[in-house]
Amino acid sequence: MSPADSESEGTGIHCRLDELLEARAMTLTELSARVGVSVVNLSVLKNDRARAIRYSTLAAICEVLDCEVGELLVRDAQ
């Protein structure tokens, strides 16, 4: 299997950013301003297209959303 093949299959990790934002009545734009990450980069994460995330970014998102990493990132059911 080539690296391109494995990328197209996905990681099995799902980002619940949409759900957490909705539960907190917060927009992606507001989160972007509070975390200091561009809306584009947050959108990539939200749409499960991120290939990597810095721990500092992950920590900042969780701090602003008052959640744990396991609430933001979950494994897809197989």
N, C-alpha and C. Protein backbone atom coordinates (compact mmCIF):
# COMPACT_ATOMS: atom_id res chain seq x y z
N MET A 1 0.85 -1.18 0.00
CA MET A 1 0.00 0.00 0.00
C MET A 1 0.90 1.24 0.00
N SER A 2 0.62 2.18 -0.86
CA SER A 2 1.40 3.41 -0.92
C SER A 2 0.89 4.40 0.12
N PRO A 3 1.72 5.40 0.48
CA PRO A 3 1.25 6.42 1.43
C PRO A 3 -0.02 7.12 0.97
N ALA A 4 -0.17 7.34 -0.33
CA ALA A 4 -1.38 7.99 -0.84
C ALA A 4 -2.61 7.13 -0.58
N ASP A 5 -2.46 5.81 -0.71
CA ASP A 5 -3.58 4.90 -0.45
C ASP A 5 -4.01 4.98 1.01
N SER A 6 -3.03 5.00 1.92
CA SER A 6 -3.38 5.03 3.34
C SER A 6 -4.03 6.35 3.72
N GLU A 7 -3.61 7.46 3.06
CA GLU A 7 -4.23 8.76 3.35
C GLU A 7 -5.67 8.80 2.91
N SER A 8 -5.99 8.18 1.79
CA SER A 8 -7.35 8.23 1.28
C SER A 8 -8.30 7.39 2.11
N GLU A 9 -7.77 6.43 2.85
CA GLU A 9 -8.61 5.59 3.70
C GLU A 9 -8.98 6.29 5.00
N GLY A 10 -8.29 7.35 5.36
CA GLY A 10 -8.57 8.05 6.59
C GLY A 10 -7.81 7.45 7.75
N THR A 11 -7.92 8.12 8.87
CA THR A 11 -7.16 7.71 10.05
C THR A 11 -7.99 6.93 11.05
N GLY A 12 -9.29 6.98 10.90
CA GLY A 12 -10.15 6.37 11.90
C GLY A 12 -10.41 7.30 13.08
N ILE A 13 -9.91 8.53 12.98
CA ILE A 13 -10.10 9.53 14.04
C ILE A 13 -11.11 10.56 13.54
N HIS A 14 -12.08 10.88 14.38
CA HIS A 14 -13.10 11.87 14.03
C HIS A 14 -13.00 13.05 15.00
N CYS A 15 -13.04 14.24 14.46
CA CYS A 15 -13.02 15.46 15.27
C CYS A 15 -14.45 15.92 15.51
N ARG A 16 -14.82 16.10 16.75
CA ARG A 16 -16.17 16.49 17.13
C ARG A 16 -16.29 18.01 17.34
N LEU A 17 -15.48 18.78 16.64
CA LEU A 17 -15.45 20.22 16.83
C LEU A 17 -16.82 20.86 16.58
N ASP A 18 -17.50 20.46 15.52
CA ASP A 18 -18.84 21.00 15.23
C ASP A 18 -19.79 20.82 16.41
N GLU A 19 -19.82 19.62 16.95
CA GLU A 19 -20.73 19.31 18.06
C GLU A 19 -20.38 20.12 19.30
N LEU A 20 -19.10 20.24 19.60
CA LEU A 20 -18.68 20.99 20.79
C LEU A 20 -18.97 22.48 20.63
N LEU A 21 -18.74 23.00 19.43
CA LEU A 21 -19.06 24.41 19.19
C LEU A 21 -20.56 24.67 19.33
N GLU A 22 -21.36 23.79 18.78
CA GLU A 22 -22.81 23.96 18.87
C GLU A 22 -23.28 23.90 20.33
N ALA A 23 -22.74 22.98 21.09
CA ALA A 23 -23.13 22.85 22.50
C ALA A 23 -22.76 24.09 23.31
N ARG A 24 -21.75 24.82 22.85
CA ARG A 24 -21.30 26.00 23.58
C ARG A 24 -21.76 27.30 22.91
N ALA A 25 -22.60 27.18 21.89
CA ALA A 25 -23.11 28.34 21.15
C ALA A 25 -21.96 29.25 20.71
N MET A 26 -20.94 28.62 20.12
CA MET A 26 -19.75 29.35 19.69
C MET A 26 -19.54 29.09 18.19
N THR A 27 -19.07 30.11 17.49
CA THR A 27 -18.78 29.95 16.07
C THR A 27 -17.31 29.57 15.88
N LEU A 28 -17.03 29.05 14.70
CA LEU A 28 -15.65 28.71 14.35
C LEU A 28 -14.79 29.99 14.33
N THR A 29 -15.38 31.08 13.89
CA THR A 29 -14.67 32.37 13.87
C THR A 29 -14.30 32.82 15.28
N GLU A 30 -15.22 32.67 16.22
CA GLU A 30 -14.94 33.04 17.61
C GLU A 30 -13.85 32.15 18.19
N LEU A 31 -13.94 30.85 17.93
CA LEU A 31 -12.92 29.93 18.42
C LEU A 31 -11.56 30.30 17.84
N SER A 32 -11.54 30.63 16.56
CA SER A 32 -10.30 31.02 15.89
C SER A 32 -9.66 32.21 16.59
N ALA A 33 -10.45 33.22 16.90
CA ALA A 33 -9.94 34.41 17.56
C ALA A 33 -9.42 34.10 18.97
N ARG A 34 -10.11 33.25 19.67
CA ARG A 34 -9.74 32.93 21.06
C ARG A 34 -8.54 31.99 21.15
N VAL A 35 -8.38 31.13 20.14
CA VAL A 35 -7.28 30.16 20.16
C VAL A 35 -6.05 30.69 19.43
N GLY A 36 -6.25 31.59 18.47
CA GLY A 36 -5.13 32.10 17.69
C GLY A 36 -4.73 31.20 16.55
N VAL A 37 -5.71 30.46 16.03
CA VAL A 37 -5.51 29.57 14.88
C VAL A 37 -6.47 30.03 13.79
N SER A 38 -6.02 29.99 12.55
CA SER A 38 -6.87 30.50 11.46
C SER A 38 -8.14 29.67 11.32
N VAL A 39 -9.18 30.33 10.81
CA VAL A 39 -10.44 29.64 10.54
C VAL A 39 -10.21 28.51 9.55
N VAL A 40 -9.35 28.74 8.57
CA VAL A 40 -9.05 27.71 7.57
C VAL A 40 -8.47 26.47 8.24
N ASN A 41 -7.50 26.65 9.13
CA ASN A 41 -6.90 25.50 9.80
C ASN A 41 -7.89 24.79 10.71
N LEU A 42 -8.74 25.54 11.39
CA LEU A 42 -9.76 24.90 12.23
C LEU A 42 -10.77 24.16 11.37
N SER A 43 -11.08 24.70 10.21
CA SER A 43 -12.01 24.04 9.29
C SER A 43 -11.44 22.72 8.80
N VAL A 44 -10.15 22.69 8.51
CA VAL A 44 -9.49 21.45 8.10
C VAL A 44 -9.62 20.41 9.21
N LEU A 45 -9.40 20.82 10.44
CA LEU A 45 -9.55 19.92 11.58
C LEU A 45 -10.99 19.45 11.73
N LYS A 46 -11.91 20.39 11.66
CA LYS A 46 -13.34 20.11 11.82
C LYS A 46 -13.85 19.12 10.79
N ASN A 47 -13.31 19.19 9.59
CA ASN A 47 -13.76 18.32 8.49
C ASN A 47 -12.94 17.03 8.37
N ASP A 48 -12.20 16.70 9.43
CA ASP A 48 -11.41 15.46 9.49
C ASP A 48 -10.40 15.36 8.37
N ARG A 49 -9.82 16.48 7.98
CA ARG A 49 -8.81 16.48 6.92
C ARG A 49 -7.42 16.81 7.44
N ALA A 50 -7.30 17.05 8.73
CA ALA A 50 -6.00 17.38 9.30
C ALA A 50 -5.13 16.13 9.33
N ARG A 51 -3.87 16.31 8.98
CA ARG A 51 -2.93 15.20 9.03
C ARG A 51 -2.11 15.25 10.30
N ALA A 52 -2.11 16.39 10.97
CA ALA A 52 -1.36 16.56 12.21
C ALA A 52 -1.94 17.74 12.98
N ILE A 53 -1.68 17.77 14.28
CA ILE A 53 -2.09 18.91 15.11
C ILE A 53 -1.04 19.06 16.20
N ARG A 54 -0.63 20.29 16.45
CA ARG A 54 0.33 20.56 17.52
C ARG A 54 -0.35 20.38 18.87
N TYR A 55 0.41 19.85 19.82
CA TYR A 55 -0.13 19.70 21.17
C TYR A 55 -0.58 21.04 21.73
N SER A 56 0.17 22.10 21.44
CA SER A 56 -0.19 23.42 21.96
C SER A 56 -1.53 23.88 21.39
N THR A 57 -1.78 23.58 20.11
CA THR A 57 -3.06 23.93 19.49
C THR A 57 -4.19 23.10 20.10
N LEU A 58 -3.94 21.82 20.26
CA LEU A 58 -4.92 20.93 20.87
C LEU A 58 -5.26 21.38 22.28
N ALA A 59 -4.25 21.72 23.05
CA ALA A 59 -4.46 22.18 24.42
C ALA A 59 -5.25 23.49 24.45
N ALA A 60 -4.94 24.41 23.54
CA ALA A 60 -5.64 25.69 23.50
C ALA A 60 -7.11 25.50 23.13
N ILE A 61 -7.39 24.64 22.15
CA ILE A 61 -8.78 24.37 21.76
C ILE A 61 -9.54 23.78 22.94
N CYS A 62 -8.93 22.80 23.61
CA CYS A 62 -9.60 22.16 24.74
C CYS A 62 -9.82 23.14 25.89
N GLU A 63 -8.87 24.04 26.10
CA GLU A 63 -9.03 25.04 27.16
C GLU A 63 -10.22 25.96 26.86
N VAL A 64 -10.28 26.46 25.64
CA VAL A 64 -11.35 27.39 25.26
C VAL A 64 -12.71 26.68 25.29
N LEU A 65 -12.75 25.43 24.83
CA LEU A 65 -14.02 24.69 24.79
C LEU A 65 -14.33 23.99 26.11
N ASP A 66 -13.41 24.08 27.07
CA ASP A 66 -13.58 23.43 28.38
C ASP A 66 -13.91 21.95 28.19
N CYS A 67 -13.02 21.26 27.47
CA CYS A 67 -13.23 19.84 27.21
C CYS A 67 -11.91 19.10 27.32
N GLU A 68 -12.00 17.80 27.31
CA GLU A 68 -10.82 16.95 27.30
C GLU A 68 -10.52 16.55 25.85
N VAL A 69 -9.29 16.15 25.59
CA VAL A 69 -8.89 15.73 24.25
C VAL A 69 -9.81 14.61 23.74
N GLY A 70 -10.17 13.69 24.61
CA GLY A 70 -11.02 12.56 24.23
C GLY A 70 -12.45 12.96 23.89
N GLU A 71 -12.85 14.16 24.26
CA GLU A 71 -14.16 14.66 23.87
C GLU A 71 -14.09 15.31 22.48
N LEU A 72 -12.91 15.80 22.13
CA LEU A 72 -12.72 16.47 20.85
C LEU A 72 -12.37 15.48 19.75
N LEU A 73 -11.47 14.56 20.04
CA LEU A 73 -11.03 13.58 19.07
C LEU A 73 -11.45 12.18 19.52
N VAL A 74 -12.19 11.49 18.67
CA VAL A 74 -12.67 10.15 19.01
C VAL A 74 -12.36 9.19 17.86
N ARG A 75 -12.25 7.92 18.18
CA ARG A 75 -12.04 6.91 17.16
C ARG A 75 -13.39 6.58 16.53
N ASP A 76 -13.39 6.47 15.20
CA ASP A 76 -14.60 6.05 14.49
C ASP A 76 -14.89 4.61 14.83
N ALA A 77 -16.17 4.29 14.93
CA ALA A 77 -16.57 2.90 15.14
C ALA A 77 -16.25 2.10 13.88
N GLN A 78 -15.67 0.96 14.05
CA GLN A 78 -15.29 0.12 12.91
C GLN A 78 -16.41 -0.80 12.54
